[in-house]
């Protein structure tokens, strides 16, 4: 269980990094620092989407860190979390639907889209739309396999 504790601490660290990056970029955007390095005029829709999405990512990361922190403090919650992560049926469903890699690539596409939105509007819309479609398809495939397996 000690190796699992270190894995949880690693997840909390990366969640903290994601949360911190989201907050820093959102604050820089609101202070207007990003506007000074942007190559195009600021589009209100893109800016609002970026700010809302960054706040959402930060909140999700904070909630996940809170959940993992509570699991580290309580042995029964830690065992429940361990069993949930190592469930063979759910692991097979995730594997067949390509979940770990799809989530990672979608998150990277959205972050790159948010950053690219300060340079080019078309790249922003394209990356966010592609990531959204990718997430929708992965959820649909996961739901299909949950019924089938």
N, C-alpha and C. Protein backbone atom coordinates (compact mmCIF):
# COMPACT_ATOMS: atom_id res chain seq x y z
N UNK A 1 0.82 -1.20 0.00
CA UNK A 1 0.00 0.00 0.00
C UNK A 1 0.87 1.26 0.00
N UNK A 2 2.14 1.11 0.41
CA UNK A 2 3.03 2.27 0.40
C UNK A 2 3.32 2.76 -1.02
N UNK A 3 3.46 1.81 -1.96
CA UNK A 3 3.71 2.22 -3.34
C UNK A 3 2.48 2.94 -3.91
N UNK A 4 1.30 2.52 -3.48
CA UNK A 4 0.08 3.18 -3.94
C UNK A 4 -0.02 4.58 -3.33
N UNK A 5 0.43 4.72 -2.08
CA UNK A 5 0.45 6.05 -1.46
C UNK A 5 1.35 7.01 -2.25
N UNK A 6 2.51 6.52 -2.66
CA UNK A 6 3.42 7.38 -3.43
C UNK A 6 2.81 7.72 -4.80
N UNK A 7 2.06 6.78 -5.37
CA UNK A 7 1.38 7.04 -6.64
C UNK A 7 0.33 8.14 -6.46
N UNK A 8 -0.41 8.08 -5.36
CA UNK A 8 -1.42 9.11 -5.06
C UNK A 8 -0.75 10.46 -4.85
N UNK A 9 0.38 10.47 -4.15
CA UNK A 9 1.10 11.73 -3.93
C UNK A 9 1.59 12.31 -5.25
N UNK A 10 2.02 11.45 -6.17
CA UNK A 10 2.45 11.90 -7.49
C UNK A 10 1.26 12.51 -8.25
N UNK A 11 0.11 11.86 -8.16
CA UNK A 11 -1.09 12.40 -8.81
C UNK A 11 -1.46 13.75 -8.22
N UNK A 12 -1.33 13.88 -6.90
CA UNK A 12 -1.64 15.15 -6.26
C UNK A 12 -0.67 16.24 -6.72
N UNK A 13 0.59 15.88 -6.89
CA UNK A 13 1.58 16.84 -7.36
C UNK A 13 1.22 17.35 -8.76
N UNK A 14 0.92 16.42 -9.68
CA UNK A 14 0.57 16.83 -11.03
C UNK A 14 -0.75 17.61 -11.05
N UNK A 15 -1.68 17.25 -10.18
CA UNK A 15 -2.91 18.03 -10.07
C UNK A 15 -2.63 19.44 -9.59
N UNK A 16 -1.68 19.57 -8.66
CA UNK A 16 -1.28 20.89 -8.19
C UNK A 16 -0.63 21.72 -9.28
N UNK A 17 0.18 21.06 -10.11
CA UNK A 17 0.83 21.76 -11.23
C UNK A 17 -0.23 22.25 -12.21
N UNK A 18 -1.19 21.39 -12.54
CA UNK A 18 -2.26 21.78 -13.47
C UNK A 18 -3.09 22.91 -12.89
N UNK A 19 -3.43 22.79 -11.62
CA UNK A 19 -4.22 23.83 -10.96
C UNK A 19 -3.46 25.16 -10.94
N UNK A 20 -2.18 25.11 -10.61
CA UNK A 20 -1.36 26.32 -10.56
C UNK A 20 -1.22 26.97 -11.93
N UNK A 21 -0.94 26.15 -12.95
CA UNK A 21 -0.82 26.70 -14.30
C UNK A 21 -2.12 27.35 -14.75
N UNK A 22 -3.24 26.72 -14.46
CA UNK A 22 -4.54 27.27 -14.84
C UNK A 22 -4.77 28.62 -14.16
N UNK A 23 -4.47 28.68 -12.88
CA UNK A 23 -4.69 29.92 -12.13
C UNK A 23 -3.75 31.02 -12.63
N UNK A 24 -2.48 30.69 -12.86
CA UNK A 24 -1.51 31.69 -13.32
C UNK A 24 -1.91 32.24 -14.69
N UNK A 25 -2.27 31.37 -15.62
CA UNK A 25 -2.66 31.84 -16.96
C UNK A 25 -3.93 32.67 -16.88
N UNK A 26 -4.90 32.26 -16.05
CA UNK A 26 -6.15 33.02 -15.92
C UNK A 26 -5.88 34.40 -15.32
N UNK A 27 -5.01 34.46 -14.31
CA UNK A 27 -4.70 35.75 -13.69
C UNK A 27 -3.96 36.66 -14.68
N UNK A 28 -2.99 36.09 -15.40
CA UNK A 28 -2.27 36.89 -16.40
C UNK A 28 -3.22 37.41 -17.47
N UNK A 29 -4.20 36.60 -17.84
CA UNK A 29 -5.18 37.02 -18.83
C UNK A 29 -6.03 38.17 -18.30
N UNK A 30 -6.48 38.05 -17.07
CA UNK A 30 -7.33 39.10 -16.50
C UNK A 30 -6.57 40.40 -16.26
N UNK A 31 -5.28 40.29 -15.98
CA UNK A 31 -4.48 41.50 -15.76
C UNK A 31 -4.06 42.17 -17.07
N UNK A 32 -4.27 41.48 -18.18
CA UNK A 32 -3.94 42.06 -19.48
C UNK A 32 -2.51 41.82 -19.93
N UNK A 33 -1.76 41.02 -19.18
CA UNK A 33 -0.38 40.73 -19.56
C UNK A 33 -0.33 39.94 -20.86
N UNK A 34 -1.27 39.01 -21.03
CA UNK A 34 -1.30 38.18 -22.23
C UNK A 34 -1.61 39.04 -23.46
N UNK A 35 -2.42 40.09 -23.29
CA UNK A 35 -2.77 40.95 -24.42
C UNK A 35 -1.54 41.62 -25.02
N UNK A 36 -0.55 41.90 -24.18
CA UNK A 36 0.64 42.59 -24.66
C UNK A 36 1.53 41.70 -25.52
N UNK A 37 1.45 40.37 -25.32
CA UNK A 37 2.28 39.47 -26.11
C UNK A 37 1.50 38.81 -27.24
N UNK A 38 0.20 39.09 -27.32
CA UNK A 38 -0.64 38.49 -28.35
C UNK A 38 -0.39 39.18 -29.69
N UNK A 39 -0.46 38.39 -30.77
CA UNK A 39 -0.21 38.92 -32.10
C UNK A 39 -1.48 39.37 -32.81
N UNK A 40 -2.63 39.07 -32.26
CA UNK A 40 -3.88 39.46 -32.89
C UNK A 40 -4.71 40.24 -31.89
N UNK A 41 -5.75 40.89 -32.40
CA UNK A 41 -6.63 41.59 -31.48
C UNK A 41 -7.39 40.57 -30.63
N UNK A 42 -7.81 41.01 -29.49
CA UNK A 42 -8.46 40.11 -28.53
C UNK A 42 -9.92 39.91 -28.92
N UNK A 43 -10.28 38.64 -29.12
CA UNK A 43 -11.66 38.30 -29.41
C UNK A 43 -12.34 37.96 -28.11
N UNK A 44 -13.45 38.61 -27.85
CA UNK A 44 -14.15 38.44 -26.58
C UNK A 44 -14.59 37.00 -26.35
N UNK A 45 -15.12 36.35 -27.37
CA UNK A 45 -15.61 34.98 -27.22
C UNK A 45 -14.47 34.04 -26.82
N UNK A 46 -13.34 34.16 -27.50
CA UNK A 46 -12.21 33.29 -27.21
C UNK A 46 -11.69 33.55 -25.80
N UNK A 47 -11.58 34.81 -25.46
CA UNK A 47 -11.07 35.16 -24.14
C UNK A 47 -11.98 34.65 -23.03
N UNK A 48 -13.28 34.79 -23.22
CA UNK A 48 -14.23 34.29 -22.22
C UNK A 48 -14.18 32.78 -22.11
N UNK A 49 -14.11 32.09 -23.24
CA UNK A 49 -14.01 30.63 -23.22
C UNK A 49 -12.73 30.19 -22.52
N UNK A 50 -11.63 30.83 -22.86
CA UNK A 50 -10.36 30.46 -22.27
C UNK A 50 -10.38 30.66 -20.76
N UNK A 51 -10.90 31.79 -20.33
CA UNK A 51 -10.94 32.06 -18.90
C UNK A 51 -11.84 31.06 -18.18
N UNK A 52 -13.03 30.83 -18.71
CA UNK A 52 -13.94 29.87 -18.08
C UNK A 52 -13.39 28.46 -18.06
N UNK A 53 -12.76 28.07 -19.14
CA UNK A 53 -12.20 26.72 -19.22
C UNK A 53 -11.02 26.56 -18.26
N UNK A 54 -10.19 27.59 -18.18
CA UNK A 54 -9.06 27.52 -17.25
C UNK A 54 -9.53 27.45 -15.81
N UNK A 55 -10.55 28.22 -15.47
CA UNK A 55 -11.11 28.16 -14.12
C UNK A 55 -11.71 26.78 -13.86
N UNK A 56 -12.41 26.23 -14.86
CA UNK A 56 -12.97 24.88 -14.72
C UNK A 56 -11.91 23.82 -14.51
N UNK A 57 -10.83 23.89 -15.29
CA UNK A 57 -9.74 22.93 -15.14
C UNK A 57 -9.11 23.06 -13.76
N UNK A 58 -8.91 24.29 -13.32
CA UNK A 58 -8.35 24.50 -11.99
C UNK A 58 -9.24 23.94 -10.89
N UNK A 59 -10.56 24.14 -11.03
CA UNK A 59 -11.49 23.62 -10.02
C UNK A 59 -11.53 22.09 -10.02
N UNK A 60 -11.54 21.48 -11.20
CA UNK A 60 -11.54 20.01 -11.27
C UNK A 60 -10.26 19.45 -10.65
N UNK A 61 -9.13 20.08 -10.96
CA UNK A 61 -7.86 19.62 -10.38
C UNK A 61 -7.87 19.78 -8.86
N UNK A 62 -8.43 20.88 -8.36
CA UNK A 62 -8.49 21.09 -6.92
C UNK A 62 -9.40 20.07 -6.24
N UNK A 63 -10.54 19.76 -6.86
CA UNK A 63 -11.46 18.76 -6.29
C UNK A 63 -10.79 17.38 -6.28
N UNK A 64 -10.09 17.04 -7.36
CA UNK A 64 -9.40 15.74 -7.40
C UNK A 64 -8.30 15.68 -6.34
N UNK A 65 -7.58 16.77 -6.16
CA UNK A 65 -6.54 16.79 -5.13
C UNK A 65 -7.16 16.64 -3.74
N UNK A 66 -8.30 17.27 -3.52
CA UNK A 66 -9.01 17.15 -2.24
C UNK A 66 -9.44 15.71 -2.01
N UNK A 67 -9.98 15.07 -3.05
CA UNK A 67 -10.42 13.67 -2.94
C UNK A 67 -9.24 12.75 -2.63
N UNK A 68 -8.14 12.95 -3.34
CA UNK A 68 -6.96 12.12 -3.11
C UNK A 68 -6.35 12.38 -1.73
N UNK A 69 -6.37 13.64 -1.31
CA UNK A 69 -5.86 13.98 0.02
C UNK A 69 -6.67 13.32 1.12
N UNK A 70 -7.99 13.30 0.96
CA UNK A 70 -8.84 12.62 1.94
C UNK A 70 -8.57 11.12 1.95
N UNK A 71 -8.32 10.55 0.79
CA UNK A 71 -8.03 9.11 0.71
C UNK A 71 -6.71 8.79 1.40
N UNK A 72 -5.75 9.69 1.32
CA UNK A 72 -4.47 9.45 1.99
C UNK A 72 -4.60 9.47 3.51
N UNK A 73 -5.54 10.25 4.02
CA UNK A 73 -5.72 10.37 5.47
C UNK A 73 -6.47 9.19 6.07
N UNK A 74 -7.35 8.57 5.29
CA UNK A 74 -8.20 7.49 5.80
C UNK A 74 -7.86 6.19 5.07
N UNK A 75 -7.52 5.16 5.84
CA UNK A 75 -7.09 3.89 5.26
C UNK A 75 -8.22 3.20 4.49
N UNK A 76 -9.46 3.28 4.98
CA UNK A 76 -10.57 2.62 4.27
C UNK A 76 -10.84 3.30 2.93
N UNK A 77 -10.78 4.64 2.91
CA UNK A 77 -10.97 5.36 1.64
C UNK A 77 -9.85 5.05 0.66
N UNK A 78 -8.65 4.86 1.19
CA UNK A 78 -7.52 4.52 0.34
C UNK A 78 -7.71 3.14 -0.27
N UNK A 79 -8.19 2.20 0.52
CA UNK A 79 -8.45 0.86 -0.01
C UNK A 79 -9.57 0.87 -1.05
N UNK A 80 -10.61 1.66 -0.79
CA UNK A 80 -11.71 1.77 -1.76
C UNK A 80 -11.21 2.37 -3.08
N UNK A 81 -10.38 3.39 -2.98
CA UNK A 81 -9.83 4.01 -4.18
C UNK A 81 -8.92 3.03 -4.92
N UNK A 82 -8.14 2.26 -4.18
CA UNK A 82 -7.27 1.25 -4.78
C UNK A 82 -8.09 0.20 -5.52
N UNK A 83 -9.14 -0.29 -4.86
CA UNK A 83 -10.01 -1.30 -5.50
C UNK A 83 -10.70 -0.74 -6.74
N UNK A 84 -11.12 0.51 -6.66
CA UNK A 84 -11.78 1.15 -7.80
C UNK A 84 -10.82 1.28 -8.99
N UNK A 85 -9.57 1.64 -8.71
CA UNK A 85 -8.59 1.79 -9.79
C UNK A 85 -8.14 0.47 -10.37
N UNK A 86 -8.17 -0.59 -9.57
CA UNK A 86 -7.66 -1.88 -10.03
C UNK A 86 -8.77 -2.88 -10.35
N UNK A 87 -9.98 -2.40 -10.57
CA UNK A 87 -11.08 -3.27 -10.97
C UNK A 87 -10.82 -3.76 -12.39
N UNK A 88 -10.82 -5.08 -12.58
CA UNK A 88 -10.47 -5.66 -13.88
C UNK A 88 -11.49 -5.33 -14.96
N UNK A 89 -12.76 -5.32 -14.61
CA UNK A 89 -13.79 -5.02 -15.61
C UNK A 89 -13.66 -3.58 -16.10
N UNK A 90 -13.53 -2.67 -15.18
CA UNK A 90 -13.40 -1.26 -15.56
C UNK A 90 -12.09 -1.05 -16.33
N UNK A 91 -11.04 -1.76 -15.93
CA UNK A 91 -9.77 -1.66 -16.65
C UNK A 91 -9.90 -2.12 -18.09
N UNK A 92 -10.63 -3.21 -18.30
CA UNK A 92 -10.84 -3.71 -19.66
C UNK A 92 -11.67 -2.73 -20.49
N UNK A 93 -12.69 -2.15 -19.87
CA UNK A 93 -13.52 -1.16 -20.57
C UNK A 93 -12.67 0.05 -20.95
N UNK A 94 -11.87 0.53 -20.02
CA UNK A 94 -11.00 1.68 -20.31
C UNK A 94 -10.00 1.35 -21.41
N UNK A 95 -9.46 0.14 -21.36
CA UNK A 95 -8.48 -0.26 -22.37
C UNK A 95 -9.11 -0.33 -23.75
N UNK A 96 -10.29 -0.92 -23.85
CA UNK A 96 -10.95 -1.06 -25.15
C UNK A 96 -11.38 0.30 -25.71
N UNK A 97 -11.77 1.21 -24.84
CA UNK A 97 -12.21 2.52 -25.32
C UNK A 97 -11.05 3.50 -25.47
N UNK A 98 -9.83 3.07 -25.14
CA UNK A 98 -8.66 3.93 -25.31
C UNK A 98 -8.64 5.12 -24.39
N UNK A 99 -9.24 4.96 -23.22
CA UNK A 99 -9.44 6.09 -22.33
C UNK A 99 -8.16 6.80 -21.88
N UNK A 100 -7.18 6.15 -21.35
CA UNK A 100 -6.08 6.96 -20.81
C UNK A 100 -5.43 7.85 -21.88
N UNK A 101 -5.20 7.30 -23.04
CA UNK A 101 -4.52 8.08 -24.07
C UNK A 101 -5.43 9.15 -24.66
N UNK A 102 -6.71 8.85 -24.83
CA UNK A 102 -7.63 9.85 -25.38
C UNK A 102 -7.79 11.04 -24.45
N UNK A 103 -7.87 10.77 -23.16
CA UNK A 103 -8.01 11.86 -22.20
C UNK A 103 -6.76 12.73 -22.21
N UNK A 104 -5.60 12.10 -22.23
CA UNK A 104 -4.35 12.85 -22.22
C UNK A 104 -4.23 13.70 -23.49
N UNK A 105 -4.47 13.10 -24.65
CA UNK A 105 -4.34 13.87 -25.89
C UNK A 105 -5.39 14.97 -25.99
N UNK A 106 -6.59 14.71 -25.49
CA UNK A 106 -7.63 15.75 -25.52
C UNK A 106 -7.26 16.92 -24.62
N UNK A 107 -6.74 16.62 -23.44
CA UNK A 107 -6.31 17.70 -22.53
C UNK A 107 -5.17 18.51 -23.14
N UNK A 108 -4.23 17.82 -23.76
CA UNK A 108 -3.11 18.52 -24.40
C UNK A 108 -3.63 19.40 -25.54
N UNK A 109 -4.57 18.86 -26.33
CA UNK A 109 -5.13 19.65 -27.43
C UNK A 109 -5.86 20.88 -26.92
N UNK A 110 -6.58 20.75 -25.83
CA UNK A 110 -7.31 21.89 -25.29
C UNK A 110 -6.35 22.93 -24.73
N UNK A 111 -5.32 22.49 -23.99
CA UNK A 111 -4.34 23.44 -23.47
C UNK A 111 -3.60 24.16 -24.59
N UNK A 112 -3.20 23.41 -25.62
CA UNK A 112 -2.52 24.03 -26.76
C UNK A 112 -3.48 24.98 -27.47
N UNK A 113 -4.76 24.59 -27.56
CA UNK A 113 -5.75 25.46 -28.18
C UNK A 113 -5.94 26.75 -27.41
N UNK A 114 -5.94 26.65 -26.09
CA UNK A 114 -6.08 27.86 -25.26
C UNK A 114 -4.89 28.78 -25.48
N UNK A 115 -3.70 28.21 -25.51
CA UNK A 115 -2.51 29.03 -25.73
C UNK A 115 -2.50 29.58 -27.16
N UNK A 116 -2.87 28.75 -28.14
CA UNK A 116 -2.88 29.19 -29.54
C UNK A 116 -3.96 30.23 -29.80
N UNK A 117 -4.98 30.28 -28.96
CA UNK A 117 -6.04 31.26 -29.13
C UNK A 117 -5.55 32.69 -28.99
N UNK A 118 -4.43 32.86 -28.31
CA UNK A 118 -3.85 34.20 -28.20
C UNK A 118 -3.10 34.60 -29.46
N UNK A 119 -2.86 33.63 -30.35
CA UNK A 119 -2.12 33.90 -31.58
C UNK A 119 -3.03 33.82 -32.80
N UNK A 120 -3.89 32.79 -32.86
CA UNK A 120 -4.71 32.57 -34.05
C UNK A 120 -6.06 31.99 -33.65
N UNK A 121 -7.13 32.65 -34.06
CA UNK A 121 -8.48 32.23 -33.69
C UNK A 121 -8.87 30.90 -34.34
N UNK A 122 -8.48 30.69 -35.58
CA UNK A 122 -8.85 29.46 -36.29
C UNK A 122 -8.22 28.24 -35.64
N UNK A 123 -6.97 28.34 -35.24
CA UNK A 123 -6.30 27.22 -34.58
C UNK A 123 -6.99 26.91 -33.25
N UNK A 124 -7.38 27.94 -32.53
CA UNK A 124 -8.08 27.75 -31.26
C UNK A 124 -9.37 26.97 -31.45
N UNK A 125 -10.20 27.43 -32.37
CA UNK A 125 -11.49 26.78 -32.60
C UNK A 125 -11.29 25.35 -33.09
N UNK A 126 -10.33 25.15 -33.98
CA UNK A 126 -10.08 23.81 -34.53
C UNK A 126 -9.64 22.84 -33.45
N UNK A 127 -8.68 23.23 -32.63
CA UNK A 127 -8.17 22.33 -31.60
C UNK A 127 -9.22 22.02 -30.54
N UNK A 128 -9.97 23.02 -30.12
CA UNK A 128 -10.99 22.79 -29.10
C UNK A 128 -12.11 21.92 -29.67
N UNK A 129 -12.51 22.16 -30.91
CA UNK A 129 -13.56 21.34 -31.52
C UNK A 129 -13.09 19.89 -31.69
N UNK A 130 -11.86 19.70 -32.14
CA UNK A 130 -11.33 18.34 -32.31
C UNK A 130 -11.25 17.61 -30.97
N UNK A 131 -10.80 18.31 -29.94
CA UNK A 131 -10.71 17.69 -28.61
C UNK A 131 -12.10 17.35 -28.07
N UNK A 132 -13.06 18.23 -28.30
CA UNK A 132 -14.42 17.98 -27.83
C UNK A 132 -15.02 16.77 -28.53
N UNK A 133 -14.85 16.68 -29.82
CA UNK A 133 -15.36 15.52 -30.57
C UNK A 133 -14.67 14.25 -30.11
N UNK A 134 -13.38 14.33 -29.86
CA UNK A 134 -12.63 13.17 -29.39
C UNK A 134 -13.15 12.71 -28.03
N UNK A 135 -13.43 13.63 -27.13
CA UNK A 135 -13.95 13.27 -25.81
C UNK A 135 -15.35 12.67 -25.93
N UNK A 136 -16.19 13.25 -26.79
CA UNK A 136 -17.54 12.72 -26.98
C UNK A 136 -17.49 11.29 -27.49
N UNK A 137 -16.65 11.04 -28.49
CA UNK A 137 -16.54 9.68 -29.02
C UNK A 137 -16.00 8.70 -27.98
N UNK A 138 -15.04 9.13 -27.18
CA UNK A 138 -14.50 8.22 -26.16
C UNK A 138 -15.55 7.89 -25.10
N UNK A 139 -16.38 8.86 -24.75
CA UNK A 139 -17.46 8.60 -23.79
C UNK A 139 -18.49 7.65 -24.39
N UNK A 140 -18.84 7.85 -25.66
CA UNK A 140 -19.79 6.95 -26.31
C UNK A 140 -19.26 5.52 -26.40
N UNK A 141 -17.98 5.38 -26.74
CA UNK A 141 -17.38 4.05 -26.81
C UNK A 141 -17.34 3.41 -25.43
N UNK A 142 -17.01 4.20 -24.42
CA UNK A 142 -16.98 3.68 -23.05
C UNK A 142 -18.37 3.22 -22.62
N UNK A 143 -19.40 3.99 -22.94
CA UNK A 143 -20.76 3.59 -22.59
C UNK A 143 -21.15 2.31 -23.32
N UNK A 144 -20.75 2.17 -24.57
CA UNK A 144 -21.04 0.96 -25.33
C UNK A 144 -20.40 -0.25 -24.67
N UNK A 145 -19.14 -0.15 -24.31
CA UNK A 145 -18.46 -1.29 -23.70
C UNK A 145 -18.95 -1.57 -22.28
N UNK A 146 -19.45 -0.57 -21.58
CA UNK A 146 -20.01 -0.82 -20.25
C UNK A 146 -21.28 -1.66 -20.35
N UNK A 147 -22.03 -1.48 -21.41
CA UNK A 147 -23.23 -2.29 -21.61
C UNK A 147 -22.87 -3.68 -22.13
N UNK A 148 -21.83 -3.75 -22.99
CA UNK A 148 -21.47 -5.00 -23.63
C UNK A 148 -20.70 -5.94 -22.70
N UNK A 149 -19.76 -5.40 -21.94
CA UNK A 149 -18.90 -6.25 -21.09
C UNK A 149 -19.50 -6.37 -19.70
